[in-house]
Structure formats: C-alpha cells, structure tokens
Amino acid sequence: MGAFRTLATLLFIVSLPAALVTTNVRFIANEPRIYRYAVDQFDAVRTTGIERSELLRAGGDLRDYFNNGQDTVSIRVQQQGREVSLFNPRETAHLKDVKSRFELMNKVQEISVLYVLIYITAVVLWAREVSTRALAMSVVLGCLISLAAVGGAAVLGFAGFDSAWESFHEALFSNDFWRLNPGTDHLIQMFPPAFWENVVFLIGLLIAAESALILLGAVIYLGVTGKQTSPRRLTPYYA
C-alpha cells in the first residue's frame, strides 16, 4: 500500500503542472479574441489582401477544424471578388499536423485534470491514504515544477525567441511544412512570429500566475495547520 501511495502521489505532482500547461494552451487555442487580436494587431488585412470579416470568419472555421472530426481543413474566402482557398497544400498539411498535436494535448489535458480530481477526492478525502497536509506539500512541489518550467522557457525566449521557436517546431514535427513564406502563405501572414511571441508570453504568464496563486494557498494552509498541530507547551505544576 505504501508503494501505491507513493506512486499515486508522484503522478499527482506531475499531473498538476501538466494540467495547468495544457489547460491554458487549450483555452488560448479556442479563444476568439486571440484570433481577432492576430488579425487586428498584425496588419493581416493588408498582408493577405483579404477583408477583415473574411479573416475573422476563417479564424472561427479554423477553431472548428481543430475540434471536429474533419481530416483536412478546407476554408474558402472572398478575395478581390473571387472565392479562393485560404490555405495552400503546404499550409493545409501543416495544419493537419497541428491538429494531431492538439488532439494529443487535449487527451493529456483531460487525463491530467481527471487524475488530479480523482486523487484529491478518492485518495485524500475518501480513502484518507494521504493527509491534507501531505496533499498541500504535493501541490507545492507541483506548482514549483510549473514555475520552473515557465522560468526555463522564459530564459530560452529571452535568449532568442526565433531560435527557440524553430527548435520547438523541429522537436514537435517530423517534417518542415511549418516553414512558410511570409510573402505568399496566408497562415504565417495571419499569425506571424511576433504574434506567437506574444501568445507564448501570455500563456507563460497565465501558468505562472495560476501556479503562484495555488502555491500561495498551499503554503498558507501548511502554515495555519502547522500552528494548530504544534505540541502545546506544558506548564509546570508546583504543589
């Protein structure tokens, strides 16, 4: 039983940062305001030659594609009075790869969140195999891992975002479909490197803020309960 408890706790400590990271990425990937920000702040109308309303609609179609069972994305827009395909075959192939990575990430997110909830309710509250103070200690460790990961990513980003972003793609994809031409490819025109730098910063900020708040709550709990469980000093009795 001790080995099971240790393994369950280790999985919880790992699942907590995994849940924080994947939940925030999933939220950002499905947030309409992020797509609107890309169109409005990075001059997508001028670089693509496509009206804003069409680009915003395409952003919605792209979000739908990432969440439906469609194998290949097919988005058509009006450009200079003609209906054209928004993405060329290379961009379409890359988006298919992106979708497969999102699907894997979504599974990790669902499993990690579910495990965190099951661990707290079943192992800590119901079976009482782990005390609430031990749970708080595990939360502290999980949050510290999250903050360390964000800190490491920040160091890489400040050292050179472009090189870090390229290394990330090389590690994540087995092809070079992600290497797009800013002069001709709508995908990179709509979502240029400067956009991704801001988005990565936002995701890191969200993860760090959430981790810090949870960490603070756990530390306060440990401090309060530590005082409550400290042994009382005995007063000597004199006859």
C-alpha atoms as a PDB file:
ATOM      1  CA  MET A   1       0.000   0.000   0.000  1.00  0.00           C
ATOM      2  CA  GLY A   2       2.905   2.329   0.715  1.00  0.00           C
ATOM      3  CA  ALA A   3       4.300   1.855  -2.790  1.00  0.00           C
ATOM      4  CA  PHE A   4       0.869   2.550  -4.301  1.00  0.00           C
ATOM      5  CA  ARG A   5       0.515   5.701  -2.220  1.00  0.00           C
ATOM      6  CA  THR A   6       3.964   6.925  -3.283  1.00  0.00           C
ATOM      7  CA  LEU A   7       3.277   6.230  -6.956  1.00  0.00           C
ATOM      8  CA  ALA A   8      -0.121   7.928  -6.780  1.00  0.00           C
ATOM      9  CA  THR A   9       1.448  10.985  -5.172  1.00  0.00           C
ATOM     10  CA  LEU A  10       4.232  11.204  -7.749  1.00  0.00           C
ATOM     11  CA  LEU A  11       1.659  11.003 -10.534  1.00  0.00           C
ATOM     12  CA  PHE A  12      -0.307  13.776  -8.864  1.00  0.00           C
ATOM     13  CA  ILE A  13       2.762  16.014  -8.611  1.00  0.00           C
ATOM     14  CA  VAL A  14       3.427  15.523 -12.345  1.00  0.00           C
ATOM     15  CA  SER A  15      -0.230  15.794 -13.346  1.00  0.00           C
ATOM     16  CA  LEU A  16      -0.715  19.179 -11.682  1.00  0.00           C
ATOM     17  CA  PRO A  17       1.742  21.129 -13.909  1.00  0.00           C
ATOM     18  CA  ALA A  18       0.633  19.093 -16.924  1.00  0.00           C
ATOM     19  CA  ALA A  19      -2.965  20.123 -16.244  1.00  0.00           C
ATOM     20  CA  LEU A  20      -2.014  23.783 -15.814  1.00  0.00           C
ATOM     21  CA  VAL A  21       0.025  23.936 -19.030  1.00  0.00           C
ATOM     22  CA  THR A  22      -2.355  22.028 -21.288  1.00  0.00           C
ATOM     23  CA  THR A  23      -5.481  23.733 -19.945  1.00  0.00           C
ATOM     24  CA  ASN A  24      -4.060  27.173 -20.649  1.00  0.00           C
ATOM     25  CA  VAL A  25      -2.860  26.216 -24.129  1.00  0.00           C
ATOM     26  CA  ARG A  26      -6.257  24.702 -24.923  1.00  0.00           C
ATOM     27  CA  PHE A  27      -8.035  27.805 -23.667  1.00  0.00           C
ATOM     28  CA  ILE A  28      -5.887  30.148 -25.753  1.00  0.00           C
ATOM     29  CA  ALA A  29      -6.216  27.963 -28.862  1.00  0.00           C
ATOM     30  CA  ASN A  30     -10.007  28.211 -28.648  1.00  0.00           C
ATOM     31  CA  GLU A  31     -10.349  31.847 -27.579  1.00  0.00           C
ATOM     32  CA  PRO A  32     -11.900  34.011 -30.368  1.00  0.00           C
ATOM     33  CA  ARG A  33     -10.267  37.174 -29.004  1.00  0.00           C
ATOM     34  CA  ILE A  34      -6.835  35.706 -29.695  1.00  0.00           C
ATOM     35  CA  TYR A  35      -7.691  35.268 -33.380  1.00  0.00           C
ATOM     36  CA  ARG A  36      -9.177  38.743 -33.530  1.00  0.00           C
ATOM     37  CA  TYR A  37      -6.016  40.102 -31.907  1.00  0.00           C
ATOM     38  CA  ALA A  38      -3.910  38.414 -34.603  1.00  0.00           C
ATOM     39  CA  VAL A  39      -5.952  39.980 -37.393  1.00  0.00           C
ATOM     40  CA  ASP A  40      -6.178  43.473 -35.910  1.00  0.00           C
ATOM     41  CA  GLN A  41      -2.737  43.951 -34.383  1.00  0.00           C
ATOM     42  CA  PHE A  42      -0.515  42.442 -37.073  1.00  0.00           C
ATOM     43  CA  ASP A  43      -1.977  44.006 -40.215  1.00  0.00           C
ATOM     44  CA  ALA A  44      -3.366  40.749 -41.587  1.00  0.00           C
ATOM     45  CA  VAL A  45      -5.841  42.537 -43.861  1.00  0.00           C
ATOM     46  CA  ARG A  46      -3.046  44.298 -45.732  1.00  0.00           C
ATOM     47  CA  THR A  47      -0.626  41.365 -45.876  1.00  0.00           C
ATOM     48  CA  THR A  48      -3.249  38.849 -47.039  1.00  0.00           C
ATOM     49  CA  GLY A  49      -5.355  41.159 -49.206  1.00  0.00           C
ATOM     50  CA  ILE A  50      -8.454  39.655 -47.566  1.00  0.00           C
ATOM     51  CA  GLU A  51     -11.195  41.607 -45.789  1.00  0.00           C
ATOM     52  CA  ARG A  52     -11.273  41.586 -42.010  1.00  0.00           C
ATOM     53  CA  SER A  53     -14.706  39.974 -41.836  1.00  0.00           C
ATOM     54  CA  GLU A  54     -13.485  37.110 -44.003  1.00  0.00           C
ATOM     55  CA  LEU A  55     -10.386  36.598 -41.870  1.00  0.00           C
ATOM     56  CA  LEU A  56     -12.415  36.587 -38.663  1.00  0.00           C
ATOM     57  CA  ARG A  57     -14.808  34.052 -40.136  1.00  0.00           C
ATOM     58  CA  ALA A  58     -11.840  31.964 -41.240  1.00  0.00           C
ATOM     59  CA  GLY A  59     -10.491  32.095 -37.691  1.00  0.00           C
ATOM     60  CA  GLY A  60     -13.765  30.643 -36.449  1.00  0.00           C
ATOM     61  CA  ASP A  61     -13.624  27.925 -39.107  1.00  0.00           C
ATOM     62  CA  LEU A  62     -10.071  27.131 -38.039  1.00  0.00           C
ATOM     63  CA  ARG A  63     -11.121  26.734 -34.408  1.00  0.00           C
ATOM     64  CA  ASP A  64     -13.944  24.462 -35.534  1.00  0.00           C
ATOM     65  CA  TYR A  65     -11.474  22.375 -37.540  1.00  0.00           C
ATOM     66  CA  PHE A  66      -9.248  21.852 -34.505  1.00  0.00           C
ATOM     67  CA  ASN A  67     -12.235  20.497 -32.576  1.00  0.00           C
ATOM     68  CA  ASN A  68     -14.162  18.449 -35.143  1.00  0.00           C
ATOM     69  CA  GLY A  69     -13.585  15.124 -36.900  1.00  0.00           C
ATOM     70  CA  GLN A  70     -12.629  16.671 -40.241  1.00  0.00           C
ATOM     71  CA  ASP A  71      -9.329  15.267 -41.512  1.00  0.00           C
ATOM     72  CA  THR A  72      -8.258  18.142 -43.759  1.00  0.00           C
ATOM     73  CA  VAL A  73      -9.043  21.812 -43.387  1.00  0.00           C
ATOM     74  CA  SER A  74     -10.888  23.499 -46.246  1.00  0.00           C
ATOM     75  CA  ILE A  75     -11.614  27.188 -45.779  1.00  0.00           C
ATOM     76  CA  ARG A  76     -12.648  29.391 -48.682  1.00  0.00           C
ATOM     77  CA  VAL A  77     -12.776  33.180 -48.564  1.00  0.00           C
ATOM     78  CA  GLN A  78     -13.605  36.087 -50.814  1.00  0.00           C
ATOM     79  CA  GLN A  79     -10.508  37.827 -52.161  1.00  0.00           C
ATOM     80  CA  GLN A  80     -10.807  40.645 -54.685  1.00  0.00           C
ATOM     81  CA  GLY A  81     -14.247  39.459 -55.746  1.00  0.00           C
ATOM     82  CA  ARG A  82     -13.232  35.807 -56.163  1.00  0.00           C
ATOM     83  CA  GLU A  83     -13.752  32.830 -53.891  1.00  0.00           C
ATOM     84  CA  VAL A  84     -10.372  31.239 -53.192  1.00  0.00           C
ATOM     85  CA  SER A  85      -8.894  28.674 -50.848  1.00  0.00           C
ATOM     86  CA  LEU A  86      -7.359  30.403 -47.838  1.00  0.00           C
ATOM     87  CA  PHE A  87      -4.565  27.873 -47.417  1.00  0.00           C
ATOM     88  CA  ASN A  88      -2.349  26.186 -49.999  1.00  0.00           C
ATOM     89  CA  PRO A  89      -1.463  22.443 -49.831  1.00  0.00           C
ATOM     90  CA  ARG A  90       1.653  23.013 -47.721  1.00  0.00           C
ATOM     91  CA  GLU A  91      -0.262  25.080 -45.167  1.00  0.00           C
ATOM     92  CA  THR A  92      -3.073  22.523 -45.172  1.00  0.00           C
ATOM     93  CA  ALA A  93      -0.594  19.713 -44.474  1.00  0.00           C
ATOM     94  CA  HIS A  94       0.926  21.685 -41.608  1.00  0.00           C
ATOM     95  CA  LEU A  95      -2.483  22.409 -40.088  1.00  0.00           C
ATOM     96  CA  LYS A  96      -3.248  18.697 -40.218  1.00  0.00           C
ATOM     97  CA  ASP A  97      -0.084  18.087 -38.196  1.00  0.00           C
ATOM     98  CA  VAL A  98      -1.044  20.859 -35.779  1.00  0.00           C
ATOM     99  CA  LYS A  99      -4.476  19.315 -35.295  1.00  0.00           C
ATOM    100  CA  SER A 100      -2.977  15.915 -34.466  1.00  0.00           C
ATOM    101  CA  ARG A 101      -0.757  17.540 -31.837  1.00  0.00           C
ATOM    102  CA  PHE A 102      -3.750  19.400 -30.410  1.00  0.00           C
ATOM    103  CA  GLU A 103      -5.698  16.139 -30.197  1.00  0.00           C
ATOM    104  CA  LEU A 104      -2.851  14.531 -28.257  1.00  0.00           C
ATOM    105  CA  MET A 105      -2.535  17.566 -25.992  1.00  0.00           C
ATOM    106  CA  ASN A 106      -6.281  17.568 -25.333  1.00  0.00           C
ATOM    107  CA  LYS A 107      -6.095  13.934 -24.215  1.00  0.00           C
ATOM    108  CA  VAL A 108      -3.208  14.756 -21.880  1.00  0.00           C
ATOM    109  CA  GLN A 109      -5.177  17.689 -20.505  1.00  0.00           C
ATOM    110  CA  GLU A 110      -8.307  15.632 -19.877  1.00  0.00           C
ATOM    111  CA  ILE A 111      -6.380  12.770 -18.273  1.00  0.00           C
ATOM    112  CA  SER A 112      -4.257  15.036 -16.064  1.00  0.00           C
ATOM    113  CA  VAL A 113      -7.211  17.115 -14.864  1.00  0.00           C
ATOM    114  CA  LEU A 114      -9.239  13.960 -14.199  1.00  0.00           C
ATOM    115  CA  TYR A 115      -6.372  12.374 -12.280  1.00  0.00           C
ATOM    116  CA  VAL A 116      -5.879  15.469 -10.114  1.00  0.00           C
ATOM    117  CA  LEU A 117      -9.570  15.451  -9.207  1.00  0.00           C
ATOM    118  CA  ILE A 118      -9.659  11.686  -8.567  1.00  0.00           C
ATOM    119  CA  TYR A 119      -6.531  11.845  -6.408  1.00  0.00           C
ATOM    120  CA  ILE A 120      -7.967  14.604  -4.231  1.00  0.00           C
ATOM    121  CA  THR A 121     -11.431  13.072  -3.871  1.00  0.00           C
ATOM    122  CA  ALA A 122     -10.586   9.351  -3.723  1.00  0.00           C
ATOM    123  CA  VAL A 123      -7.098   9.114  -2.221  1.00  0.00           C
ATOM    124  CA  VAL A 124      -7.155  12.129   0.114  1.00  0.00           C
ATOM    125  CA  LEU A 125     -10.778  12.817   1.069  1.00  0.00           C
ATOM    126  CA  TRP A 126     -12.426   9.381   0.773  1.00  0.00           C
ATOM    127  CA  ALA A 127      -9.769   6.716   1.465  1.00  0.00           C
ATOM    128  CA  ARG A 128      -7.651   9.080   3.589  1.00  0.00           C
ATOM    129  CA  GLU A 129      -4.492   7.367   2.377  1.00  0.00           C
ATOM    130  CA  VAL A 130      -2.875  10.818   2.230  1.00  0.00           C
ATOM    131  CA  SER A 131      -3.391  13.637   4.703  1.00  0.00           C
ATOM    132  CA  THR A 132      -4.466  17.093   3.588  1.00  0.00           C
ATOM    133  CA  ARG A 133      -1.105  18.454   4.736  1.00  0.00           C
ATOM    134  CA  ALA A 134       0.684  15.904   2.561  1.00  0.00           C
ATOM    135  CA  LEU A 135      -1.616  16.950  -0.290  1.00  0.00           C
ATOM    136  CA  ALA A 136      -0.602  20.567   0.261  1.00  0.00           C
ATOM    137  CA  MET A 137       3.070  19.576   0.134  1.00  0.00           C
ATOM    138  CA  SER A 138       2.471  17.765  -3.162  1.00  0.00           C
ATOM    139  CA  VAL A 139       0.684  20.845  -4.500  1.00  0.00           C
ATOM    140  CA  VAL A 140       3.697  22.963  -3.546  1.00  0.00           C
ATOM    141  CA  LEU A 141       6.031  20.634  -5.443  1.00  0.00           C
ATOM    142  CA  GLY A 142       3.753  20.544  -8.495  1.00  0.00           C
ATOM    143  CA  CYS A 143       3.498  24.326  -8.593  1.00  0.00           C
ATOM    144  CA  LEU A 144       7.259  24.706  -8.211  1.00  0.00           C
ATOM    145  CA  ILE A 145       7.715  22.420 -11.212  1.00  0.00           C
ATOM    146  CA  SER A 146       5.297  24.603 -13.202  1.00  0.00           C
ATOM    147  CA  LEU A 147       7.128  27.773 -12.226  1.00  0.00           C
ATOM    148  CA  ALA A 148      10.495  26.192 -13.034  1.00  0.00           C
ATOM    149  CA  ALA A 149       9.211  25.156 -16.470  1.00  0.00           C
ATOM    150  CA  VAL A 150       7.911  28.660 -17.160  1.00  0.00           C
ATOM    151  CA  GLY A 151      11.183  30.132 -15.955  1.00  0.00           C
ATOM    152  CA  GLY A 152      13.186  27.841 -18.210  1.00  0.00           C
ATOM    153  CA  ALA A 153      11.016  28.722 -21.204  1.00  0.00           C
ATOM    154  CA  ALA A 154      11.412  32.421 -20.384  1.00  0.00           C
ATOM    155  CA  VAL A 155      15.195  32.113 -20.340  1.00  0.00           C
ATOM    156  CA  LEU A 156      15.143  30.438 -23.746  1.00  0.00           C
ATOM    157  CA  GLY A 157      12.765  33.070 -25.087  1.00  0.00           C
ATOM    158  CA  PHE A 158      14.851  35.992 -23.864  1.00  0.00           C
ATOM    159  CA  ALA A 159      17.988  34.368 -25.267  1.00  0.00           C
ATOM    160  CA  GLY A 160      16.360  34.350 -28.706  1.00  0.00           C
ATOM    161  CA  PHE A 161      12.703  33.651 -29.369  1.00  0.00           C
ATOM    162  CA  ASP A 162      13.135  32.894 -33.075  1.00  0.00           C
ATOM    163  CA  SER A 163      15.735  30.188 -32.476  1.00  0.00           C
ATOM    164  CA  ALA A 164      13.749  28.725 -29.582  1.00  0.00           C
ATOM    165  CA  TRP A 165      10.563  28.738 -31.683  1.00  0.00           C
ATOM    166  CA  GLU A 166      12.389  26.975 -34.520  1.00  0.00           C
ATOM    167  CA  SER A 167      13.821  24.354 -32.159  1.00  0.00           C
ATOM    168  CA  PHE A 168      10.346  23.792 -30.739  1.00  0.00           C
ATOM    169  CA  HIS A 169       8.959  23.095 -34.218  1.00  0.00           C
ATOM    170  CA  GLU A 170      11.843  20.814 -35.123  1.00  0.00           C
ATOM    171  CA  ALA A 171      11.191  18.785 -31.978  1.00  0.00           C
ATOM    172  CA  LEU A 172       7.410  18.710 -32.410  1.00  0.00           C
ATOM    173  CA  PHE A 173       7.130  17.960 -36.147  1.00  0.00           C
ATOM    174  CA  SER A 174       8.836  15.346 -38.306  1.00  0.00           C
ATOM    175  CA  ASN A 175       8.665  17.493 -41.472  1.00  0.00           C
ATOM    176  CA  ASP A 176       9.309  21.094 -42.484  1.00  0.00           C
ATOM    177  CA  PHE A 177       5.793  22.041 -43.579  1.00  0.00           C
ATOM    178  CA  TRP A 178       5.880  24.660 -40.827  1.00  0.00           C
ATOM    179  CA  ARG A 179       8.498  26.630 -42.774  1.00  0.00           C
ATOM    180  CA  LEU A 180       6.215  29.079 -44.581  1.00  0.00           C
ATOM    181  CA  ASN A 181       6.764  32.050 -46.866  1.00  0.00           C
ATOM    182  CA  PRO A 182       5.600  35.366 -45.334  1.00  0.00           C
ATOM    183  CA  GLY A 183       5.249  36.822 -48.818  1.00  0.00           C
ATOM    184  CA  THR A 184       2.772  34.257 -50.132  1.00  0.00           C
ATOM    185  CA  ASP A 185       1.407  31.995 -47.375  1.00  0.00           C
ATOM    186  CA  HIS A 186      -1.712  33.243 -45.614  1.00  0.00           C
ATOM    187  CA  LEU A 187      -1.160  31.174 -42.465  1.00  0.00           C
ATOM    188  CA  ILE A 188       2.020  32.988 -41.475  1.00  0.00           C
ATOM    189  CA  GLN A 189       0.562  36.287 -42.678  1.00  0.00           C
ATOM    190  CA  MET A 190      -2.359  35.822 -40.300  1.00  0.00           C
ATOM    191  CA  PHE A 191      -0.195  34.513 -37.444  1.00  0.00           C
ATOM    192  CA  PRO A 192       3.317  35.978 -37.811  1.00  0.00           C
ATOM    193  CA  PRO A 193       6.233  35.183 -35.449  1.00  0.00           C
ATOM    194  CA  ALA A 194       5.631  38.382 -33.442  1.00  0.00           C
ATOM    195  CA  PHE A 195       2.095  37.176 -32.719  1.00  0.00           C
ATOM    196  CA  TRP A 196       3.377  33.819 -31.464  1.00  0.00           C
ATOM    197  CA  GLU A 197       5.945  35.517 -29.254  1.00  0.00           C
ATOM    198  CA  ASN A 198       3.153  37.483 -27.553  1.00  0.00           C
ATOM    199  CA  VAL A 199       0.916  34.424 -27.262  1.00  0.00           C
ATOM    200  CA  VAL A 200       3.663  32.309 -25.716  1.00  0.00           C
ATOM    201  CA  PHE A 201       4.340  35.139 -23.249  1.00  0.00           C
ATOM    202  CA  LEU A 202       0.626  35.284 -22.372  1.00  0.00           C
ATOM    203  CA  ILE A 203       0.417  31.519 -21.829  1.00  0.00           C
ATOM    204  CA  GLY A 204       3.523  31.597 -19.650  1.00  0.00           C
ATOM    205  CA  LEU A 205       2.113  34.495 -17.657  1.00  0.00           C
ATOM    206  CA  LEU A 206      -1.178  32.660 -17.077  1.00  0.00           C
ATOM    207  CA  ILE A 207       0.577  29.477 -15.980  1.00  0.00           C
ATOM    208  CA  ALA A 208       2.921  31.375 -13.676  1.00  0.00           C
ATOM    209  CA  ALA A 209       0.100  33.422 -12.112  1.00  0.00           C
ATOM    210  CA  GLU A 210      -2.117  30.386 -11.536  1.00  0.00           C
ATOM    211  CA  SER A 211       0.778  28.343 -10.146  1.00  0.00           C
ATOM    212  CA  ALA A 212       1.779  31.179  -7.819  1.00  0.00           C
ATOM    213  CA  LEU A 213      -1.786  31.584  -6.500  1.00  0.00           C
ATOM    214  CA  ILE A 214      -2.206  27.846  -5.879  1.00  0.00           C
ATOM    215  CA  LEU A 215       1.253  27.719  -4.301  1.00  0.00           C
ATOM    216  CA  LEU A 216       0.401  30.628  -2.020  1.00  0.00           C
ATOM    217  CA  GLY A 217      -2.820  28.917  -0.925  1.00  0.00           C
ATOM    218  CA  ALA A 218      -0.980  25.682  -0.154  1.00  0.00           C
ATOM    219  CA  VAL A 219       1.757  27.474   1.799  1.00  0.00           C
ATOM    220  CA  ILE A 220      -0.816  29.421   3.846  1.00  0.00           C
ATOM    221  CA  TYR A 221      -2.651  26.160   4.590  1.00  0.00           C
ATOM    222  CA  LEU A 222       0.572  24.496   5.708  1.00  0.00           C
ATOM    223  CA  GLY A 223       1.392  27.464   7.915  1.00  0.00           C
ATOM    224  CA  VAL A 224      -2.037  27.551   9.550  1.00  0.00           C
ATOM    225  CA  THR A 225      -2.336  23.808  10.117  1.00  0.00           C
ATOM    226  CA  GLY A 226       1.267  23.627  11.298  1.00  0.00           C
ATOM    227  CA  LYS A 227       0.466  26.033  14.124  1.00  0.00           C
ATOM    228  CA  GLN A 228      -2.665  24.109  15.003  1.00  0.00           C
ATOM    229  CA  THR A 229      -0.845  20.756  15.222  1.00  0.00           C
ATOM    230  CA  SER A 230       2.254  22.011  17.053  1.00  0.00           C
ATOM    231  CA  PRO A 231       2.635  20.438  20.507  1.00  0.00           C
ATOM    232  CA  ARG A 232       1.381  22.531  23.404  1.00  0.00           C
ATOM    233  CA  ARG A 233       3.997  23.670  25.898  1.00  0.00           C
ATOM    234  CA  LEU A 234       3.275  22.161  29.313  1.00  0.00           C
ATOM    235  CA  THR A 235       3.157  24.497  32.294  1.00  0.00           C
ATOM    236  CA  PRO A 236       4.920  23.002  35.323  1.00  0.00           C
ATOM    237  CA  TYR A 237       2.730  22.404  38.336  1.00  0.00           C
ATOM    238  CA  TYR A 238       4.028  23.398  41.738  1.00  0.00           C
ATOM    239  CA  ALA A 239       2.397  21.990  44.812  1.00  0.00           C
END
